[in-house]
PDB file of all heavy atoms in Angstrom:
ATOM      1  N   LEU A   1     -21.218   2.141  -1.477  1.00  0.00           N
ATOM      2  CA  LEU A   1     -21.957   0.960  -1.941  1.00  0.00           C
ATOM      3  C   LEU A   1     -21.533  -0.267  -1.127  1.00  0.00           C
ATOM      4  O   LEU A   1     -22.369  -1.082  -0.767  1.00  0.00           O
ATOM      5  CB  LEU A   1     -21.787   0.766  -3.419  1.00  0.00           C
ATOM      6  CG  LEU A   1     -22.524   1.699  -4.356  1.00  0.00           C
ATOM      7  CD1 LEU A   1     -22.206   1.333  -5.814  1.00  0.00           C
ATOM      8  CD2 LEU A   1     -24.021   1.614  -4.137  1.00  0.00           C
ATOM      9  N   VAL A   2     -20.223  -0.411  -0.912  1.00  0.00           N
ATOM     10  CA  VAL A   2     -19.773  -1.557  -0.127  1.00  0.00           C
ATOM     11  C   VAL A   2     -20.306  -1.552   1.275  1.00  0.00           C
ATOM     12  O   VAL A   2     -20.802  -2.548   1.798  1.00  0.00           O
ATOM     13  CB  VAL A   2     -18.214  -1.555  -0.093  1.00  0.00           C
ATOM     14  CG1 VAL A   2     -17.713  -2.639   0.871  1.00  0.00           C
ATOM     15  CG2 VAL A   2     -17.658  -1.801  -1.457  1.00  0.00           C
ATOM     16  N   GLU A   3     -20.328  -0.369   1.869  1.00  0.00           N
ATOM     17  CA  GLU A   3     -20.848  -0.256   3.244  1.00  0.00           C
ATOM     18  C   GLU A   3     -22.328  -0.518   3.305  1.00  0.00           C
ATOM     19  O   GLU A   3     -22.825  -1.222   4.178  1.00  0.00           O
ATOM     20  CB  GLU A   3     -20.566   1.139   3.807  1.00  0.00           C
ATOM     21  CG  GLU A   3     -19.073   1.454   4.019  1.00  0.00           C
ATOM     22  CD  GLU A   3     -18.443   0.525   5.050  1.00  0.00           C
ATOM     23  OE1 GLU A   3     -19.143   0.101   6.005  1.00  0.00           O
ATOM     24  OE2 GLU A   3     -17.256   0.194   4.925  1.00  0.00           O
ATOM     25  N   LEU A   4     -23.104   0.014   2.324  1.00  0.00           N
ATOM     26  CA  LEU A   4     -24.529  -0.215   2.338  1.00  0.00           C
ATOM     27  C   LEU A   4     -24.884  -1.690   2.082  1.00  0.00           C
ATOM     28  O   LEU A   4     -25.803  -2.196   2.718  1.00  0.00           O
ATOM     29  CB  LEU A   4     -25.164   0.683   1.254  1.00  0.00           C
ATOM     30  CG  LEU A   4     -25.143   2.188   1.531  1.00  0.00           C
ATOM     31  CD1 LEU A   4     -25.722   2.967   0.318  1.00  0.00           C
ATOM     32  CD2 LEU A   4     -25.949   2.529   2.784  1.00  0.00           C
ATOM     33  N   ASP A   5     -24.150  -2.301   1.179  1.00  0.00           N
ATOM     34  CA  ASP A   5     -24.420  -3.695   0.822  1.00  0.00           C
ATOM     35  C   ASP A   5     -24.077  -4.629   2.001  1.00  0.00           C
ATOM     36  O   ASP A   5     -24.742  -5.686   2.208  1.00  0.00           O
ATOM     37  CB  ASP A   5     -23.691  -4.129  -0.423  1.00  0.00           C
ATOM     38  CG  ASP A   5     -24.245  -3.456  -1.680  1.00  0.00           C
ATOM     39  OD1 ASP A   5     -25.331  -2.896  -1.572  1.00  0.00           O
ATOM     40  OD2 ASP A   5     -23.534  -3.469  -2.717  1.00  0.00           O
ATOM     41  N   SER A   6     -23.044  -4.288   2.757  1.00  0.00           N
ATOM     42  CA  SER A   6     -22.643  -5.195   3.804  1.00  0.00           C
ATOM     43  C   SER A   6     -23.127  -4.800   5.191  1.00  0.00           C
ATOM     44  O   SER A   6     -23.162  -5.596   6.135  1.00  0.00           O
ATOM     45  CB  SER A   6     -21.113  -5.269   3.859  1.00  0.00           C
ATOM     46  OG  SER A   6     -20.531  -3.965   4.091  1.00  0.00           O
ATOM     47  N   GLY A   7     -23.561  -3.566   5.344  1.00  0.00           N
ATOM     48  CA  GLY A   7     -23.930  -3.077   6.654  1.00  0.00           C
ATOM     49  C   GLY A   7     -25.418  -3.145   6.934  1.00  0.00           C
ATOM     50  O   GLY A   7     -25.837  -3.048   8.090  1.00  0.00           O
ATOM     51  N   LEU A   8     -26.248  -3.236   5.880  1.00  0.00           N
ATOM     52  CA  LEU A   8     -27.697  -3.278   6.082  1.00  0.00           C
ATOM     53  C   LEU A   8     -28.268  -4.499   5.374  1.00  0.00           C
ATOM     54  O   LEU A   8     -27.936  -4.790   4.227  1.00  0.00           O
ATOM     55  CB  LEU A   8     -28.337  -1.991   5.487  1.00  0.00           C
ATOM     56  CG  LEU A   8     -27.984  -0.645   6.147  1.00  0.00           C
ATOM     57  CD1 LEU A   8     -28.605   0.486   5.369  1.00  0.00           C
ATOM     58  CD2 LEU A   8     -28.503  -0.654   7.584  1.00  0.00           C
ATOM     59  N   GLU A   9     -29.112  -5.218   6.078  1.00  0.00           N
ATOM     60  CA  GLU A   9     -29.757  -6.364   5.513  1.00  0.00           C
ATOM     61  C   GLU A   9     -31.278  -6.230   5.697  1.00  0.00           C
ATOM     62  O   GLU A   9     -31.730  -5.794   6.765  1.00  0.00           O
ATOM     63  CB  GLU A   9     -29.273  -7.656   6.213  1.00  0.00           C
ATOM     64  CG  GLU A   9     -27.825  -7.974   5.951  1.00  0.00           C
ATOM     65  CD  GLU A   9     -27.515  -8.417   4.517  1.00  0.00           C
ATOM     66  OE1 GLU A   9     -28.509  -8.703   3.808  1.00  0.00           O
ATOM     67  OE2 GLU A   9     -26.356  -8.467   4.157  1.00  0.00           O
ATOM     68  N   PRO A  10     -32.085  -6.593   4.723  1.00  0.00           N
ATOM     69  CA  PRO A  10     -31.688  -6.981   3.368  1.00  0.00           C
ATOM     70  C   PRO A  10     -31.224  -5.718   2.548  1.00  0.00           C
ATOM     71  O   PRO A  10     -31.586  -4.607   2.843  1.00  0.00           O
ATOM     72  CB  PRO A  10     -32.933  -7.617   2.764  1.00  0.00           C
ATOM     73  CG  PRO A  10     -34.041  -6.850   3.488  1.00  0.00           C
ATOM     74  CD  PRO A  10     -33.546  -6.563   4.870  1.00  0.00           C
ATOM     75  N   SER A  11     -30.513  -5.973   1.486  1.00  0.00           N
ATOM     76  CA  SER A  11     -30.069  -4.923   0.583  1.00  0.00           C
ATOM     77  C   SER A  11     -30.138  -5.416  -0.859  1.00  0.00           C
ATOM     78  O   SER A  11     -30.114  -6.627  -1.116  1.00  0.00           O
ATOM     79  CB  SER A  11     -28.660  -4.494   0.896  1.00  0.00           C
ATOM     80  OG  SER A  11     -27.735  -5.519   0.638  1.00  0.00           O
ATOM     81  N   THR A  12     -30.295  -4.526  -1.777  1.00  0.00           N
ATOM     82  CA  THR A  12     -30.339  -4.823  -3.227  1.00  0.00           C
ATOM     83  C   THR A  12     -29.218  -4.155  -3.930  1.00  0.00           C
ATOM     84  O   THR A  12     -29.071  -2.914  -3.826  1.00  0.00           O
ATOM     85  CB  THR A  12     -31.704  -4.357  -3.808  1.00  0.00           C
ATOM     86  OG1 THR A  12     -32.763  -4.977  -3.063  1.00  0.00           O
ATOM     87  CG2 THR A  12     -31.773  -4.738  -5.282  1.00  0.00           C
ATOM     88  N   PRO A  13     -28.383  -4.869  -4.683  1.00  0.00           N
ATOM     89  CA  PRO A  13     -27.283  -4.275  -5.436  1.00  0.00           C
ATOM     90  C   PRO A  13     -27.783  -3.278  -6.456  1.00  0.00           C
ATOM     91  O   PRO A  13     -28.941  -3.401  -6.948  1.00  0.00           O
ATOM     92  CB  PRO A  13     -26.556  -5.466  -6.099  1.00  0.00           C
ATOM     93  CG  PRO A  13     -27.025  -6.663  -5.300  1.00  0.00           C
ATOM     94  CD  PRO A  13     -28.410  -6.353  -4.842  1.00  0.00           C
ATOM     95  N   ASN A  14     -26.977  -2.317  -6.812  1.00  0.00           N
ATOM     96  CA  ASN A  14     -27.291  -1.374  -7.865  1.00  0.00           C
ATOM     97  C   ASN A  14     -26.316  -1.588  -9.012  1.00  0.00           C
ATOM     98  O   ASN A  14     -25.250  -0.950  -9.094  1.00  0.00           O
ATOM     99  CB  ASN A  14     -27.142   0.069  -7.322  1.00  0.00           C
ATOM    100  CG  ASN A  14     -27.660   1.108  -8.336  1.00  0.00           C
ATOM    101  OD1 ASN A  14     -27.634   0.877  -9.527  1.00  0.00           O
ATOM    102  ND2 ASN A  14     -28.045   2.250  -7.817  1.00  0.00           N
ATOM    103  N   PRO A  15     -26.673  -2.504  -9.923  1.00  0.00           N
ATOM    104  CA  PRO A  15     -25.708  -2.875 -10.963  1.00  0.00           C
ATOM    105  C   PRO A  15     -25.385  -1.718 -11.936  1.00  0.00           C
ATOM    106  O   PRO A  15     -24.278  -1.601 -12.434  1.00  0.00           O
ATOM    107  CB  PRO A  15     -26.378  -4.034 -11.701  1.00  0.00           C
ATOM    108  CG  PRO A  15     -27.822  -3.904 -11.384  1.00  0.00           C
ATOM    109  CD  PRO A  15     -27.876  -3.325 -10.044  1.00  0.00           C
ATOM    110  N   HIS A  16     -26.398  -0.857 -12.209  1.00  0.00           N
ATOM    111  CA  HIS A  16     -26.131   0.266 -13.079  1.00  0.00           C
ATOM    112  C   HIS A  16     -25.003   1.147 -12.505  1.00  0.00           C
ATOM    113  O   HIS A  16     -24.039   1.490 -13.220  1.00  0.00           O
ATOM    114  CB  HIS A  16     -27.388   1.118 -13.269  1.00  0.00           C
ATOM    115  CG  HIS A  16     -28.466   0.416 -13.975  1.00  0.00           C
ATOM    116  ND1 HIS A  16     -29.804   0.567 -13.651  1.00  0.00           N
ATOM    117  CD2 HIS A  16     -28.440  -0.429 -15.057  1.00  0.00           C
ATOM    118  CE1 HIS A  16     -30.537  -0.161 -14.487  1.00  0.00           C
ATOM    119  NE2 HIS A  16     -29.776  -0.791 -15.326  1.00  0.00           N
ATOM    120  N   LEU A  17     -25.148   1.527 -11.259  1.00  0.00           N
ATOM    121  CA  LEU A  17     -24.157   2.427 -10.668  1.00  0.00           C
ATOM    122  C   LEU A  17     -22.827   1.726 -10.518  1.00  0.00           C
ATOM    123  O   LEU A  17     -21.745   2.330 -10.731  1.00  0.00           O
ATOM    124  CB  LEU A  17     -24.677   2.887  -9.308  1.00  0.00           C
ATOM    125  CG  LEU A  17     -23.774   3.878  -8.523  1.00  0.00           C
ATOM    126  CD1 LEU A  17     -23.458   5.105  -9.410  1.00  0.00           C
ATOM    127  CD2 LEU A  17     -24.399   4.286  -7.220  1.00  0.00           C
ATOM    128  N   ARG A  18     -22.812   0.424 -10.154  1.00  0.00           N
ATOM    129  CA  ARG A  18     -21.590  -0.272  -9.993  1.00  0.00           C
ATOM    130  C   ARG A  18     -20.783  -0.309 -11.329  1.00  0.00           C
ATOM    131  O   ARG A  18     -19.582  -0.103 -11.358  1.00  0.00           O
ATOM    132  CB  ARG A  18     -21.826  -1.729  -9.535  1.00  0.00           C
ATOM    133  CG  ARG A  18     -22.240  -1.849  -8.093  1.00  0.00           C
ATOM    134  CD  ARG A  18     -22.501  -3.305  -7.716  1.00  0.00           C
ATOM    135  NE  ARG A  18     -22.781  -3.454  -6.313  1.00  0.00           N
ATOM    136  CZ  ARG A  18     -21.823  -3.602  -5.354  1.00  0.00           C
ATOM    137  NH1 ARG A  18     -20.552  -3.609  -5.735  1.00  0.00           N
ATOM    138  NH2 ARG A  18     -22.191  -3.751  -4.102  1.00  0.00           N
ATOM    139  N   MET A  19     -21.478  -0.589 -12.386  1.00  0.00           N
ATOM    140  CA  MET A  19     -20.784  -0.616 -13.687  1.00  0.00           C
ATOM    141  C   MET A  19     -20.295   0.797 -14.107  1.00  0.00           C
ATOM    142  O   MET A  19     -19.189   0.906 -14.642  1.00  0.00           O
ATOM    143  CB  MET A  19     -21.722  -1.193 -14.773  1.00  0.00           C
ATOM    144  CG  MET A  19     -21.944  -2.692 -14.582  1.00  0.00           C
ATOM    145  SD  MET A  19     -22.839  -3.451 -16.007  1.00  0.00           S
ATOM    146  CE  MET A  19     -24.483  -2.840 -15.679  1.00  0.00           C
ATOM    147  N   ILE A  20     -21.116   1.757 -13.844  1.00  0.00           N
ATOM    148  CA  ILE A  20     -20.676   3.117 -14.218  1.00  0.00           C
ATOM    149  C   ILE A  20     -19.437   3.547 -13.420  1.00  0.00           C
ATOM    150  O   ILE A  20     -18.493   4.101 -13.949  1.00  0.00           O
ATOM    151  CB  ILE A  20     -21.834   4.137 -13.975  1.00  0.00           C
ATOM    152  CG1 ILE A  20     -22.913   3.949 -15.046  1.00  0.00           C
ATOM    153  CG2 ILE A  20     -21.339   5.570 -13.928  1.00  0.00           C
ATOM    154  CD1 ILE A  20     -24.175   4.741 -14.794  1.00  0.00           C
ATOM    155  N   LEU A  21     -19.419   3.230 -12.120  1.00  0.00           N
ATOM    156  CA  LEU A  21     -18.274   3.594 -11.297  1.00  0.00           C
ATOM    157  C   LEU A  21     -17.004   2.808 -11.757  1.00  0.00           C
ATOM    158  O   LEU A  21     -15.903   3.394 -11.814  1.00  0.00           O
ATOM    159  CB  LEU A  21     -18.572   3.306  -9.843  1.00  0.00           C
ATOM    160  CG  LEU A  21     -19.608   4.180  -9.161  1.00  0.00           C
ATOM    161  CD1 LEU A  21     -19.926   3.726  -7.756  1.00  0.00           C
ATOM    162  CD2 LEU A  21     -19.158   5.649  -9.124  1.00  0.00           C
ATOM    163  N   HIS A  22     -17.200   1.577 -12.069  1.00  0.00           N
ATOM    164  CA  HIS A  22     -16.060   0.768 -12.571  1.00  0.00           C
ATOM    165  C   HIS A  22     -15.508   1.340 -13.893  1.00  0.00           C
ATOM    166  O   HIS A  22     -14.305   1.454 -14.072  1.00  0.00           O
ATOM    167  CB  HIS A  22     -16.489  -0.684 -12.766  1.00  0.00           C
ATOM    168  CG  HIS A  22     -15.397  -1.601 -13.306  1.00  0.00           C
ATOM    169  ND1 HIS A  22     -14.377  -2.032 -12.516  1.00  0.00           N
ATOM    170  CD2 HIS A  22     -15.162  -2.064 -14.549  1.00  0.00           C
ATOM    171  CE1 HIS A  22     -13.552  -2.814 -13.249  1.00  0.00           C
ATOM    172  NE2 HIS A  22     -14.008  -2.825 -14.473  1.00  0.00           N
ATOM    173  N   LEU A  23     -16.412   1.752 -14.722  1.00  0.00           N
ATOM    174  CA  LEU A  23     -16.000   2.337 -16.046  1.00  0.00           C
ATOM    175  C   LEU A  23     -15.268   3.647 -15.853  1.00  0.00           C
ATOM    176  O   LEU A  23     -14.246   3.903 -16.499  1.00  0.00           O
ATOM    177  CB  LEU A  23     -17.239   2.505 -16.894  1.00  0.00           C
ATOM    178  CG  LEU A  23     -17.011   2.919 -18.373  1.00  0.00           C
ATOM    179  CD1 LEU A  23     -16.240   1.845 -19.133  1.00  0.00           C
ATOM    180  CD2 LEU A  23     -18.340   3.248 -19.052  1.00  0.00           C
ATOM    181  N   MET A  24     -15.823   4.495 -14.991  1.00  0.00           N
ATOM    182  CA  MET A  24     -15.203   5.788 -14.746  1.00  0.00           C
ATOM    183  C   MET A  24     -13.812   5.651 -14.112  1.00  0.00           C
ATOM    184  O   MET A  24     -12.875   6.337 -14.524  1.00  0.00           O
ATOM    185  CB  MET A  24     -16.122   6.626 -13.846  1.00  0.00           C
ATOM    186  CG  MET A  24     -17.445   6.988 -14.491  1.00  0.00           C
ATOM    187  SD  MET A  24     -17.287   8.129 -15.888  1.00  0.00           S
ATOM    188  CE  MET A  24     -16.815   9.620 -15.070  1.00  0.00           C
ATOM    189  N   ARG A  25     -13.694   4.764 -13.130  1.00  0.00           N
ATOM    190  CA  ARG A  25     -12.415   4.630 -12.483  1.00  0.00           C
ATOM    191  C   ARG A  25     -11.385   4.004 -13.436  1.00  0.00           C
ATOM    192  O   ARG A  25     -10.200   4.405 -13.401  1.00  0.00           O
ATOM    193  CB  ARG A  25     -12.566   3.799 -11.193  1.00  0.00           C
ATOM    194  CG  ARG A  25     -13.436   4.478 -10.149  1.00  0.00           C
ATOM    195  CD  ARG A  25     -13.695   3.569  -8.956  1.00  0.00           C
ATOM    196  NE  ARG A  25     -12.558   3.502  -8.068  1.00  0.00           N
ATOM    197  CZ  ARG A  25     -12.559   2.774  -6.968  1.00  0.00           C
ATOM    198  NH1 ARG A  25     -13.607   2.048  -6.646  1.00  0.00           N
ATOM    199  NH2 ARG A  25     -11.508   2.756  -6.164  1.00  0.00           N
ATOM    200  N   SER A  26     -11.783   3.058 -14.214  1.00  0.00           N
ATOM    201  CA  SER A  26     -10.894   2.462 -15.182  1.00  0.00           C
ATOM    202  C   SER A  26     -10.443   3.486 -16.247  1.00  0.00           C
ATOM    203  O   SER A  26      -9.279   3.515 -16.644  1.00  0.00           O
ATOM    204  CB  SER A  26     -11.540   1.272 -15.865  1.00  0.00           C
ATOM    205  OG  SER A  26     -11.873   0.262 -14.930  1.00  0.00           O
ATOM    206  N   HIS A  27     -11.357   4.328 -16.690  1.00  0.00           N
ATOM    207  CA  HIS A  27     -11.014   5.372 -17.637  1.00  0.00           C
ATOM    208  C   HIS A  27      -9.995   6.323 -17.001  1.00  0.00           C
ATOM    209  O   HIS A  27      -9.019   6.719 -17.678  1.00  0.00           O
ATOM    210  CB  HIS A  27     -12.259   6.119 -18.022  1.00  0.00           C
ATOM    211  CG  HIS A  27     -12.025   7.275 -18.939  1.00  0.00           C
ATOM    212  ND1 HIS A  27     -11.694   7.109 -20.258  1.00  0.00           N
ATOM    213  CD2 HIS A  27     -12.066   8.638 -18.755  1.00  0.00           C
ATOM    214  CE1 HIS A  27     -11.525   8.282 -20.832  1.00  0.00           C
ATOM    215  NE2 HIS A  27     -11.754   9.204 -19.958  1.00  0.00           N
ATOM    216  N   SER A  28     -10.198   6.679 -15.767  1.00  0.00           N
ATOM    217  CA  SER A  28      -9.265   7.562 -15.086  1.00  0.00           C
ATOM    218  C   SER A  28      -7.887   6.959 -14.999  1.00  0.00           C
ATOM    219  O   SER A  28      -6.861   7.674 -15.090  1.00  0.00           O
ATOM    220  CB  SER A  28      -9.816   7.876 -13.678  1.00  0.00           C
ATOM    221  OG  SER A  28      -8.881   8.596 -12.933  1.00  0.00           O
ATOM    222  N   GLU A  29      -7.794   5.680 -14.755  1.00  0.00           N
ATOM    223  CA  GLU A  29      -6.551   4.983 -14.542  1.00  0.00           C
ATOM    224  C   GLU A  29      -5.932   4.439 -15.848  1.00  0.00           C
ATOM    225  O   GLU A  29      -4.864   3.842 -15.823  1.00  0.00           O
ATOM    226  CB  GLU A  29      -6.714   3.854 -13.528  1.00  0.00           C
ATOM    227  CG  GLU A  29      -7.123   4.364 -12.176  1.00  0.00           C
ATOM    228  CD  GLU A  29      -7.636   3.225 -11.244  1.00  0.00           C
ATOM    229  OE1 GLU A  29      -7.523   2.060 -11.670  1.00  0.00           O
ATOM    230  OE2 GLU A  29      -8.116   3.523 -10.165  1.00  0.00           O
ATOM    231  N   GLY A  30      -6.616   4.675 -16.956  1.00  0.00           N
ATOM    232  CA  GLY A  30      -6.112   4.212 -18.243  1.00  0.00           C
ATOM    233  C   GLY A  30      -6.159   2.715 -18.460  1.00  0.00           C
ATOM    234  O   GLY A  30      -5.349   2.154 -19.186  1.00  0.00           O
ATOM    235  N   ARG A  31      -7.128   2.022 -17.754  1.00  0.00           N
ATOM    236  CA  ARG A  31      -7.243   0.589 -17.876  1.00  0.00           C
ATOM    237  C   ARG A  31      -8.322   0.219 -18.932  1.00  0.00           C
ATOM    238  O   ARG A  31      -9.365   0.853 -18.976  1.00  0.00           O
ATOM    239  CB  ARG A  31      -7.577  -0.069 -16.551  1.00  0.00           C
ATOM    240  CG  ARG A  31      -6.433   0.015 -15.528  1.00  0.00           C
ATOM    241  CD  ARG A  31      -6.770  -0.774 -14.245  1.00  0.00           C
ATOM    242  NE  ARG A  31      -7.680  -0.066 -13.367  1.00  0.00           N
ATOM    243  CZ  ARG A  31      -8.924  -0.374 -13.137  1.00  0.00           C
ATOM    244  NH1 ARG A  31      -9.476  -1.432 -13.783  1.00  0.00           N
ATOM    245  NH2 ARG A  31      -9.686   0.309 -12.303  1.00  0.00           N
ATOM    246  N   ILE A  32      -8.015  -0.818 -19.715  1.00  0.00           N
ATOM    247  CA  ILE A  32      -8.991  -1.238 -20.703  1.00  0.00           C
ATOM    248  C   ILE A  32     -10.149  -1.954 -20.006  1.00  0.00           C
ATOM    249  O   ILE A  32      -9.959  -2.748 -19.074  1.00  0.00           O
ATOM    250  CB  ILE A  32      -8.351  -2.224 -21.719  1.00  0.00           C
ATOM    251  CG1 ILE A  32      -7.306  -1.472 -22.535  1.00  0.00           C
ATOM    252  CG2 ILE A  32      -9.357  -2.867 -22.608  1.00  0.00           C
ATOM    253  CD1 ILE A  32      -6.501  -2.318 -23.480  1.00  0.00           C
ATOM    254  N   VAL A  33     -11.366  -1.629 -20.454  1.00  0.00           N
ATOM    255  CA  VAL A  33     -12.563  -2.277 -19.895  1.00  0.00           C
ATOM    256  C   VAL A  33     -13.220  -3.089 -21.010  1.00  0.00           C
ATOM    257  O   VAL A  33     -13.612  -2.557 -22.026  1.00  0.00           O
ATOM    258  CB  VAL A  33     -13.557  -1.244 -19.343  1.00  0.00           C
ATOM    259  CG1 VAL A  33     -14.831  -1.908 -18.848  1.00  0.00           C
ATOM    260  CG2 VAL A  33     -12.910  -0.407 -18.247  1.00  0.00           C
TER     261      VAL A  33
END
């Protein structure tokens, strides 16, 4: 996602996927979200 957002213009963020990935990684690492 970082590469797509910064490497291609114009681009549109994918907030659903970003939040899901943040939630999954935090769950894996035991961090409160």
